[in-house]
PDB file of all heavy atoms in Angstrom:
ATOM      1  N   LEU A   1     -99.337  90.077 129.663  1.00  0.00           N
ATOM      2  CA  LEU A   1     -99.518  88.683 129.311  1.00  0.00           C
ATOM      3  C   LEU A   1     -98.381  87.832 129.847  1.00  0.00           C
ATOM      4  O   LEU A   1     -98.592  86.748 130.393  1.00  0.00           O
ATOM      5  CB  LEU A   1     -99.621  88.528 127.785  1.00  0.00           C
ATOM      6  CG  LEU A   1    -100.850  89.157 127.138  1.00  0.00           C
ATOM      7  CD1 LEU A   1    -100.760  89.046 125.629  1.00  0.00           C
ATOM      8  CD2 LEU A   1    -102.115  88.482 127.642  1.00  0.00           C
ATOM      9  N   VAL A   2     -97.138  88.330 129.700  1.00  0.00           N
ATOM     10  CA  VAL A   2     -95.974  87.612 130.205  1.00  0.00           C
ATOM     11  C   VAL A   2     -96.047  87.488 131.719  1.00  0.00           C
ATOM     12  O   VAL A   2     -95.783  86.438 132.296  1.00  0.00           O
ATOM     13  CB  VAL A   2     -94.670  88.317 129.782  1.00  0.00           C
ATOM     14  CG1 VAL A   2     -93.471  87.669 130.475  1.00  0.00           C
ATOM     15  CG2 VAL A   2     -94.498  88.257 128.273  1.00  0.00           C
ATOM     16  N   ALA A   3     -96.415  88.594 132.381  1.00  0.00           N
ATOM     17  CA  ALA A   3     -96.533  88.595 133.836  1.00  0.00           C
ATOM     18  C   ALA A   3     -97.608  87.637 134.312  1.00  0.00           C
ATOM     19  O   ALA A   3     -97.418  86.905 135.283  1.00  0.00           O
ATOM     20  CB  ALA A   3     -96.824  90.011 134.330  1.00  0.00           C
ATOM     21  N   ASN A   4     -98.770  87.631 133.612  1.00  0.00           N
ATOM     22  CA  ASN A   4     -99.856  86.742 133.996  1.00  0.00           C
ATOM     23  C   ASN A   4     -99.450  85.283 133.858  1.00  0.00           C
ATOM     24  O   ASN A   4     -99.740  84.453 134.716  1.00  0.00           O
ATOM     25  CB  ASN A   4    -101.091  87.010 133.141  1.00  0.00           C
ATOM     26  CG  ASN A   4    -101.828  88.265 133.572  1.00  0.00           C
ATOM     27  OD1 ASN A   4    -101.583  88.770 134.656  1.00  0.00           O
ATOM     28  ND2 ASN A   4    -102.708  88.770 132.728  1.00  0.00           N
ATOM     29  N   LYS A   5     -98.776  84.966 132.733  1.00  0.00           N
ATOM     30  CA  LYS A   5     -98.358  83.587 132.506  1.00  0.00           C
ATOM     31  C   LYS A   5     -97.327  83.154 133.531  1.00  0.00           C
ATOM     32  O   LYS A   5     -97.360  82.037 134.049  1.00  0.00           O
ATOM     33  CB  LYS A   5     -97.800  83.421 131.090  1.00  0.00           C
ATOM     34  CG  LYS A   5     -98.842  83.567 130.008  1.00  0.00           C
ATOM     35  CD  LYS A   5     -98.295  83.294 128.646  1.00  0.00           C
ATOM     36  CE  LYS A   5     -98.003  81.846 128.433  1.00  0.00           C
ATOM     37  NZ  LYS A   5     -97.603  81.533 127.032  1.00  0.00           N
ATOM     38  N   ALA A   6     -96.377  84.053 133.852  1.00  0.00           N
ATOM     39  CA  ALA A   6     -95.349  83.735 134.835  1.00  0.00           C
ATOM     40  C   ALA A   6     -95.965  83.534 136.217  1.00  0.00           C
ATOM     41  O   ALA A   6     -95.609  82.611 136.945  1.00  0.00           O
ATOM     42  CB  ALA A   6     -94.307  84.846 134.873  1.00  0.00           C
ATOM     43  N   GLN A   7     -96.913  84.431 136.588  1.00  0.00           N
ATOM     44  CA  GLN A   7     -97.590  84.316 137.866  1.00  0.00           C
ATOM     45  C   GLN A   7     -98.384  83.025 137.958  1.00  0.00           C
ATOM     46  O   GLN A   7     -98.378  82.342 138.979  1.00  0.00           O
ATOM     47  CB  GLN A   7     -98.502  85.525 138.086  1.00  0.00           C
ATOM     48  CG  GLN A   7     -99.199  85.529 139.450  1.00  0.00           C
ATOM     49  CD  GLN A   7    -100.107  86.726 139.604  1.00  0.00           C
ATOM     50  OE1 GLN A   7    -100.359  87.449 138.665  1.00  0.00           O
ATOM     51  NE2 GLN A   7    -100.617  86.959 140.799  1.00  0.00           N
ATOM     52  N   PHE A   8     -99.069  82.680 136.862  1.00  0.00           N
ATOM     53  CA  PHE A   8     -99.866  81.470 136.831  1.00  0.00           C
ATOM     54  C   PHE A   8     -98.990  80.228 136.953  1.00  0.00           C
ATOM     55  O   PHE A   8     -99.321  79.287 137.655  1.00  0.00           O
ATOM     56  CB  PHE A   8    -100.682  81.412 135.540  1.00  0.00           C
ATOM     57  CG  PHE A   8    -101.603  80.253 135.448  1.00  0.00           C
ATOM     58  CD1 PHE A   8    -102.810  80.258 136.111  1.00  0.00           C
ATOM     59  CD2 PHE A   8    -101.260  79.132 134.716  1.00  0.00           C
ATOM     60  CE1 PHE A   8    -103.661  79.188 136.039  1.00  0.00           C
ATOM     61  CE2 PHE A   8    -102.106  78.052 134.651  1.00  0.00           C
ATOM     62  CZ  PHE A   8    -103.314  78.086 135.300  1.00  0.00           C
ATOM     63  N   ALA A   9     -97.839  80.259 136.251  1.00  0.00           N
ATOM     64  CA  ALA A   9     -96.953  79.098 136.239  1.00  0.00           C
ATOM     65  C   ALA A   9     -96.333  78.841 137.606  1.00  0.00           C
ATOM     66  O   ALA A   9     -96.066  77.694 137.972  1.00  0.00           O
ATOM     67  CB  ALA A   9     -95.865  79.286 135.187  1.00  0.00           C
ATOM     68  N   SER A  10     -96.078  79.937 138.377  1.00  0.00           N
ATOM     69  CA  SER A  10     -95.409  79.795 139.658  1.00  0.00           C
ATOM     70  C   SER A  10     -96.371  79.766 140.846  1.00  0.00           C
ATOM     71  O   SER A  10     -95.945  79.639 141.982  1.00  0.00           O
ATOM     72  CB  SER A  10     -94.410  80.943 139.849  1.00  0.00           C
ATOM     73  OG  SER A  10     -95.082  82.197 139.846  1.00  0.00           O
ATOM     74  N   ALA A  11     -97.672  79.910 140.558  1.00  0.00           N
ATOM     75  CA  ALA A  11     -98.647  80.001 141.640  1.00  0.00           C
ATOM     76  C   ALA A  11     -98.789  78.682 142.388  1.00  0.00           C
ATOM     77  O   ALA A  11     -98.836  77.619 141.790  1.00  0.00           O
ATOM     78  CB  ALA A  11     -99.997  80.426 141.082  1.00  0.00           C
ATOM     79  N   THR A  12     -98.820  78.760 143.697  1.00  0.00           N
ATOM     80  CA  THR A  12     -99.083  77.617 144.556  1.00  0.00           C
ATOM     81  C   THR A  12    -100.217  77.982 145.492  1.00  0.00           C
ATOM     82  O   THR A  12    -100.166  79.024 146.141  1.00  0.00           O
ATOM     83  CB  THR A  12     -97.842  77.235 145.373  1.00  0.00           C
ATOM     84  OG1 THR A  12     -96.765  76.898 144.500  1.00  0.00           O
ATOM     85  CG2 THR A  12     -98.150  76.051 146.276  1.00  0.00           C
ATOM     86  N   HIS A  13    -101.211  77.117 145.558  1.00  0.00           N
ATOM     87  CA  HIS A  13    -102.335  77.412 146.434  1.00  0.00           C
ATOM     88  C   HIS A  13    -102.943  76.125 146.960  1.00  0.00           C
ATOM     89  O   HIS A  13    -102.726  75.050 146.415  1.00  0.00           O
ATOM     90  CB  HIS A  13    -103.397  78.234 145.701  1.00  0.00           C
ATOM     91  CG  HIS A  13    -104.115  77.486 144.622  1.00  0.00           C
ATOM     92  ND1 HIS A  13    -103.569  77.249 143.386  1.00  0.00           N
ATOM     93  CD2 HIS A  13    -105.348  76.905 144.602  1.00  0.00           C
ATOM     94  CE1 HIS A  13    -104.419  76.561 142.648  1.00  0.00           C
ATOM     95  NE2 HIS A  13    -105.505  76.345 143.361  1.00  0.00           N
ATOM     96  N   THR A  14    -103.676  76.246 148.021  1.00  0.00           N
ATOM     97  CA  THR A  14    -104.371  75.127 148.642  1.00  0.00           C
ATOM     98  C   THR A  14    -105.852  75.419 148.659  1.00  0.00           C
ATOM     99  O   THR A  14    -106.257  76.542 148.979  1.00  0.00           O
ATOM    100  CB  THR A  14    -103.870  74.905 150.080  1.00  0.00           C
ATOM    101  OG1 THR A  14    -102.459  74.665 150.069  1.00  0.00           O
ATOM    102  CG2 THR A  14    -104.577  73.707 150.714  1.00  0.00           C
ATOM    103  N   GLN A  15    -106.660  74.431 148.292  1.00  0.00           N
ATOM    104  CA  GLN A  15    -108.094  74.629 148.301  1.00  0.00           C
ATOM    105  C   GLN A  15    -108.788  73.360 148.765  1.00  0.00           C
ATOM    106  O   GLN A  15    -108.248  72.240 148.659  1.00  0.00           O
ATOM    107  CB  GLN A  15    -108.612  75.029 146.912  1.00  0.00           C
ATOM    108  CG  GLN A  15    -108.469  73.952 145.858  1.00  0.00           C
ATOM    109  CD  GLN A  15    -108.983  74.403 144.505  1.00  0.00           C
ATOM    110  OE1 GLN A  15    -108.724  75.520 144.072  1.00  0.00           O
ATOM    111  NE2 GLN A  15    -109.720  73.536 143.818  1.00  0.00           N
ATOM    112  N   GLU A  16    -109.980  73.525 149.278  1.00  0.00           N
ATOM    113  CA  GLU A  16    -110.789  72.408 149.733  1.00  0.00           C
ATOM    114  C   GLU A  16    -111.303  71.605 148.542  1.00  0.00           C
ATOM    115  O   GLU A  16    -111.627  72.153 147.496  1.00  0.00           O
ATOM    116  CB  GLU A  16    -111.971  72.938 150.564  1.00  0.00           C
ATOM    117  CG  GLU A  16    -112.850  71.872 151.197  1.00  0.00           C
ATOM    118  CD  GLU A  16    -112.232  71.186 152.372  1.00  0.00           C
ATOM    119  OE1 GLU A  16    -111.140  71.657 152.819  1.00  0.00           O
ATOM    120  OE2 GLU A  16    -112.796  70.193 152.858  1.00  0.00           O
ATOM    121  N   MET A  17    -111.341  70.290 148.675  1.00  0.00           N
ATOM    122  CA  MET A  17    -111.935  69.449 147.647  1.00  0.00           C
ATOM    123  C   MET A  17    -113.382  69.845 147.427  1.00  0.00           C
ATOM    124  O   MET A  17    -114.084  70.202 148.377  1.00  0.00           O
ATOM    125  CB  MET A  17    -111.901  67.970 148.046  1.00  0.00           C
ATOM    126  CG  MET A  17    -110.551  67.310 148.023  1.00  0.00           C
ATOM    127  SD  MET A  17    -110.722  65.537 148.457  1.00  0.00           S
ATOM    128  CE  MET A  17    -109.037  64.982 148.285  1.00  0.00           C
ATOM    129  N   ASP A  18    -113.843  69.787 146.155  1.00  0.00           N
ATOM    130  CA  ASP A  18    -115.256  70.019 145.931  1.00  0.00           C
ATOM    131  C   ASP A  18    -116.054  68.787 146.336  1.00  0.00           C
ATOM    132  O   ASP A  18    -115.493  67.742 146.706  1.00  0.00           O
ATOM    133  CB  ASP A  18    -115.544  70.416 144.479  1.00  0.00           C
ATOM    134  CG  ASP A  18    -115.140  69.357 143.465  1.00  0.00           C
ATOM    135  OD1 ASP A  18    -115.085  68.160 143.822  1.00  0.00           O
ATOM    136  OD2 ASP A  18    -114.894  69.717 142.296  1.00  0.00           O
ATOM    137  N   HIS A  19    -117.368  68.909 146.283  1.00  0.00           N
ATOM    138  CA  HIS A  19    -118.252  67.865 146.788  1.00  0.00           C
ATOM    139  C   HIS A  19    -118.029  66.527 146.088  1.00  0.00           C
ATOM    140  O   HIS A  19    -117.905  65.474 146.744  1.00  0.00           O
ATOM    141  CB  HIS A  19    -119.704  68.315 146.628  1.00  0.00           C
ATOM    142  CG  HIS A  19    -120.713  67.362 147.186  1.00  0.00           C
ATOM    143  ND1 HIS A  19    -121.397  66.456 146.414  1.00  0.00           N
ATOM    144  CD2 HIS A  19    -121.140  67.156 148.444  1.00  0.00           C
ATOM    145  CE1 HIS A  19    -122.206  65.757 147.165  1.00  0.00           C
ATOM    146  NE2 HIS A  19    -122.084  66.151 148.404  1.00  0.00           N
ATOM    147  N   MET A  20    -117.965  66.548 144.751  1.00  0.00           N
ATOM    148  CA  MET A  20    -117.802  65.300 144.009  1.00  0.00           C
ATOM    149  C   MET A  20    -116.457  64.642 144.291  1.00  0.00           C
ATOM    150  O   MET A  20    -116.366  63.419 144.429  1.00  0.00           O
ATOM    151  CB  MET A  20    -117.978  65.537 142.506  1.00  0.00           C
ATOM    152  CG  MET A  20    -117.860  64.269 141.666  1.00  0.00           C
ATOM    153  SD  MET A  20    -118.248  64.469 139.925  1.00  0.00           S
ATOM    154  CE  MET A  20    -120.026  64.608 140.001  1.00  0.00           C
ATOM    155  N   ARG A  21    -115.391  65.449 144.371  1.00  0.00           N
ATOM    156  CA  ARG A  21    -114.069  64.885 144.636  1.00  0.00           C
ATOM    157  C   ARG A  21    -114.022  64.232 146.010  1.00  0.00           C
ATOM    158  O   ARG A  21    -113.386  63.195 146.197  1.00  0.00           O
ATOM    159  CB  ARG A  21    -113.012  65.988 144.506  1.00  0.00           C
ATOM    160  CG  ARG A  21    -111.567  65.553 144.792  1.00  0.00           C
ATOM    161  CD  ARG A  21    -111.152  64.322 144.019  1.00  0.00           C
ATOM    162  NE  ARG A  21    -111.312  64.467 142.597  1.00  0.00           N
ATOM    163  CZ  ARG A  21    -111.120  63.496 141.719  1.00  0.00           C
ATOM    164  NH1 ARG A  21    -110.794  62.283 142.133  1.00  0.00           N
ATOM    165  NH2 ARG A  21    -111.291  63.719 140.435  1.00  0.00           N
ATOM    166  N   LYS A  22    -114.703  64.793 147.004  1.00  0.00           N
ATOM    167  CA  LYS A  22    -114.765  64.188 148.342  1.00  0.00           C
ATOM    168  C   LYS A  22    -115.446  62.828 148.274  1.00  0.00           C
ATOM    169  O   LYS A  22    -115.012  61.868 148.913  1.00  0.00           O
ATOM    170  CB  LYS A  22    -115.507  65.109 149.304  1.00  0.00           C
ATOM    171  CG  LYS A  22    -114.738  66.368 149.690  1.00  0.00           C
ATOM    172  CD  LYS A  22    -115.576  67.238 150.614  1.00  0.00           C
ATOM    173  CE  LYS A  22    -114.828  68.512 150.992  1.00  0.00           C
ATOM    174  NZ  LYS A  22    -115.671  69.399 151.846  1.00  0.00           N
ATOM    175  N   ILE A  23    -116.532  62.749 147.503  1.00  0.00           N
ATOM    176  CA  ILE A  23    -117.257  61.486 147.354  1.00  0.00           C
ATOM    177  C   ILE A  23    -116.364  60.431 146.701  1.00  0.00           C
ATOM    178  O   ILE A  23    -116.288  59.284 147.148  1.00  0.00           O
ATOM    179  CB  ILE A  23    -118.538  61.689 146.523  1.00  0.00           C
ATOM    180  CG1 ILE A  23    -119.528  62.565 147.278  1.00  0.00           C
ATOM    181  CG2 ILE A  23    -119.181  60.344 146.187  1.00  0.00           C
ATOM    182  CD1 ILE A  23    -120.736  62.952 146.458  1.00  0.00           C
ATOM    183  N   ILE A  24    -115.687  60.826 145.627  1.00  0.00           N
ATOM    184  CA  ILE A  24    -114.807  59.901 144.917  1.00  0.00           C
ATOM    185  C   ILE A  24    -113.693  59.411 145.834  1.00  0.00           C
ATOM    186  O   ILE A  24    -113.397  58.212 145.903  1.00  0.00           O
ATOM    187  CB  ILE A  24    -114.212  60.575 143.673  1.00  0.00           C
ATOM    188  CG1 ILE A  24    -115.310  60.872 142.655  1.00  0.00           C
ATOM    189  CG2 ILE A  24    -113.141  59.696 143.031  1.00  0.00           C
ATOM    190  CD1 ILE A  24    -114.859  61.762 141.527  1.00  0.00           C
ATOM    191  N   ALA A  25    -113.072  60.341 146.553  1.00  0.00           N
ATOM    192  CA  ALA A  25    -111.982  59.980 147.451  1.00  0.00           C
ATOM    193  C   ALA A  25    -112.452  58.971 148.499  1.00  0.00           C
ATOM    194  O   ALA A  25    -111.759  57.982 148.794  1.00  0.00           O
ATOM    195  CB  ALA A  25    -111.422  61.239 148.129  1.00  0.00           C
ATOM    196  N   ASP A  26    -113.621  59.201 149.058  1.00  0.00           N
ATOM    197  CA  ASP A  26    -114.171  58.302 150.079  1.00  0.00           C
ATOM    198  C   ASP A  26    -114.464  56.923 149.489  1.00  0.00           C
ATOM    199  O   ASP A  26    -114.137  55.894 150.105  1.00  0.00           O
ATOM    200  CB  ASP A  26    -115.437  58.914 150.677  1.00  0.00           C
ATOM    201  CG  ASP A  26    -116.033  58.071 151.797  1.00  0.00           C
ATOM    202  OD1 ASP A  26    -115.358  57.882 152.825  1.00  0.00           O
ATOM    203  OD2 ASP A  26    -117.177  57.596 151.631  1.00  0.00           O
ATOM    204  N   HIS A  27    -115.086  56.889 148.289  1.00  0.00           N
ATOM    205  CA  HIS A  27    -115.423  55.612 147.666  1.00  0.00           C
ATOM    206  C   HIS A  27    -114.178  54.814 147.307  1.00  0.00           C
ATOM    207  O   HIS A  27    -114.123  53.587 147.498  1.00  0.00           O
ATOM    208  CB  HIS A  27    -116.276  55.845 146.418  1.00  0.00           C
ATOM    209  CG  HIS A  27    -117.681  56.234 146.739  1.00  0.00           C
ATOM    210  ND1 HIS A  27    -118.648  56.439 145.775  1.00  0.00           N
ATOM    211  CD2 HIS A  27    -118.301  56.441 147.919  1.00  0.00           C
ATOM    212  CE1 HIS A  27    -119.785  56.773 146.348  1.00  0.00           C
ATOM    213  NE2 HIS A  27    -119.605  56.791 147.650  1.00  0.00           N
ATOM    214  N   MET A  28    -113.159  55.485 146.751  1.00  0.00           N
ATOM    215  CA  MET A  28    -111.946  54.779 146.361  1.00  0.00           C
ATOM    216  C   MET A  28    -111.219  54.216 147.583  1.00  0.00           C
ATOM    217  O   MET A  28    -110.740  53.080 147.573  1.00  0.00           O
ATOM    218  CB  MET A  28    -111.019  55.714 145.584  1.00  0.00           C
ATOM    219  CG  MET A  28    -111.581  56.207 144.251  1.00  0.00           C
ATOM    220  SD  MET A  28    -111.935  54.884 143.056  1.00  0.00           S
ATOM    221  CE  MET A  28    -113.716  54.682 143.308  1.00  0.00           C
ATOM    222  N   LYS A  29    -111.121  55.012 148.640  1.00  0.00           N
ATOM    223  CA  LYS A  29    -110.465  54.569 149.869  1.00  0.00           C
ATOM    224  C   LYS A  29    -111.212  53.389 150.489  1.00  0.00           C
ATOM    225  O   LYS A  29    -110.600  52.407 150.903  1.00  0.00           O
ATOM    226  CB  LYS A  29    -110.384  55.736 150.855  1.00  0.00           C
ATOM    227  CG  LYS A  29    -109.625  55.440 152.151  1.00  0.00           C
ATOM    228  CD  LYS A  29    -109.469  56.717 152.963  1.00  0.00           C
ATOM    229  CE  LYS A  29    -108.694  56.460 154.256  1.00  0.00           C
ATOM    230  NZ  LYS A  29    -109.444  55.714 155.215  1.00  0.00           N
ATOM    231  N   THR A  30    -112.540  53.489 150.507  1.00  0.00           N
ATOM    232  CA  THR A  30    -113.355  52.407 151.056  1.00  0.00           C
ATOM    233  C   THR A  30    -113.179  51.124 150.257  1.00  0.00           C
ATOM    234  O   THR A  30    -113.087  50.028 150.824  1.00  0.00           O
ATOM    235  CB  THR A  30    -114.843  52.810 151.066  1.00  0.00           C
ATOM    236  OG1 THR A  30    -115.021  53.968 151.880  1.00  0.00           O
ATOM    237  CG2 THR A  30    -115.707  51.677 151.602  1.00  0.00           C
ATOM    238  N   SER A  31    -113.119  51.243 148.930  1.00  0.00           N
ATOM    239  CA  SER A  31    -112.963  50.068 148.087  1.00  0.00           C
ATOM    240  C   SER A  31    -111.642  49.361 148.353  1.00  0.00           C
ATOM    241  O   SER A  31    -111.592  48.133 148.476  1.00  0.00           O
ATOM    242  CB  SER A  31    -113.059  50.449 146.612  1.00  0.00           C
ATOM    243  OG  SER A  31    -112.948  49.309 145.791  1.00  0.00           O
ATOM    244  N   LEU A  32    -110.553  50.118 148.454  1.00  0.00           N
ATOM    245  CA  LEU A  32    -109.247  49.528 148.707  1.00  0.00           C
ATOM    246  C   LEU A  32    -109.186  48.876 150.085  1.00  0.00           C
ATOM    247  O   LEU A  32    -108.497  47.873 150.281  1.00  0.00           O
ATOM    248  CB  LEU A  32    -108.151  50.583 148.565  1.00  0.00           C
ATOM    249  CG  LEU A  32    -107.860  51.064 147.133  1.00  0.00           C
ATOM    250  CD1 LEU A  32    -106.878  52.222 147.150  1.00  0.00           C
ATOM    251  CD2 LEU A  32    -107.325  49.925 146.278  1.00  0.00           C
ATOM    252  N   GLU A  33    -109.899  49.458 151.052  1.00  0.00           N
ATOM    253  CA  GLU A  33    -109.925  48.902 152.405  1.00  0.00           C
ATOM    254  C   GLU A  33    -110.827  47.679 152.508  1.00  0.00           C
ATOM    255  O   GLU A  33    -110.659  46.858 153.407  1.00  0.00           O
ATOM    256  CB  GLU A  33    -110.380  49.970 153.401  1.00  0.00           C
ATOM    257  CG  GLU A  33    -109.403  51.122 153.573  1.00  0.00           C
ATOM    258  CD  GLU A  33    -109.953  52.224 154.466  1.00  0.00           C
ATOM    259  OE1 GLU A  33    -111.194  52.202 154.713  1.00  0.00           O
ATOM    260  OE2 GLU A  33    -109.178  53.097 154.901  1.00  0.00           O
ATOM    261  N   THR A  34    -111.795  47.552 151.572  1.00  0.00           N
ATOM    262  CA  THR A  34    -112.787  46.484 151.644  1.00  0.00           C
ATOM    263  C   THR A  34    -112.370  45.246 150.855  1.00  0.00           C
ATOM    264  O   THR A  34    -112.398  44.121 151.375  1.00  0.00           O
ATOM    265  CB  THR A  34    -114.146  46.982 151.114  1.00  0.00           C
ATOM    266  OG1 THR A  34    -114.580  48.106 151.872  1.00  0.00           O
ATOM    267  CG2 THR A  34    -115.194  45.874 151.202  1.00  0.00           C
ATOM    268  N   SER A  35    -111.995  45.434 149.593  1.00  0.00           N
ATOM    269  CA  SER A  35    -111.722  44.321 148.692  1.00  0.00           C
ATOM    270  C   SER A  35    -110.249  43.945 148.669  1.00  0.00           C
ATOM    271  O   SER A  35    -109.375  44.802 148.863  1.00  0.00           O
ATOM    272  CB  SER A  35    -112.175  44.652 147.272  1.00  0.00           C
ATOM    273  OG  SER A  35    -113.557  44.854 147.199  1.00  0.00           O
ATOM    274  N   ALA A  36    -109.994  42.672 148.424  1.00  0.00           N
ATOM    275  CA  ALA A  36    -108.628  42.191 148.200  1.00  0.00           C
ATOM    276  C   ALA A  36    -108.358  42.260 146.704  1.00  0.00           C
ATOM    277  O   ALA A  36    -108.669  41.330 145.949  1.00  0.00           O
ATOM    278  CB  ALA A  36    -108.479  40.763 148.718  1.00  0.00           C
ATOM    279  N   HIS A  37    -107.813  43.399 146.251  1.00  0.00           N
ATOM    280  CA  HIS A  37    -107.642  43.663 144.823  1.00  0.00           C
ATOM    281  C   HIS A  37    -106.549  42.798 144.203  1.00  0.00           C
ATOM    282  O   HIS A  37    -105.427  42.718 144.721  1.00  0.00           O
ATOM    283  CB  HIS A  37    -107.292  45.134 144.590  1.00  0.00           C
ATOM    284  CG  HIS A  37    -108.453  46.068 144.658  1.00  0.00           C
ATOM    285  ND1 HIS A  37    -109.136  46.338 145.822  1.00  0.00           N
ATOM    286  CD2 HIS A  37    -109.064  46.803 143.684  1.00  0.00           C
ATOM    287  CE1 HIS A  37    -110.099  47.202 145.583  1.00  0.00           C
ATOM    288  NE2 HIS A  37    -110.085  47.504 144.296  1.00  0.00           N
ATOM    289  N   VAL A  38    -106.885  42.158 143.099  1.00  0.00           N
ATOM    290  CA  VAL A  38    -105.928  41.432 142.270  1.00  0.00           C
ATOM    291  C   VAL A  38    -106.215  41.800 140.815  1.00  0.00           C
ATOM    292  O   VAL A  38    -107.377  42.003 140.446  1.00  0.00           O
ATOM    293  CB  VAL A  38    -106.041  39.905 142.457  1.00  0.00           C
ATOM    294  CG1 VAL A  38    -105.045  39.175 141.557  1.00  0.00           C
ATOM    295  CG2 VAL A  38    -105.793  39.522 143.917  1.00  0.00           C
TER     296      VAL A  38
END
């Protein structure tokens, strides 16, 4: 248990965005590029 928690706490990994996160990222970026936010 201690080893698992330590491994989990120190783990670093890279993964591809899932489908929904890609959509959100695209929409948010597009909105900031399109509108003059105030």
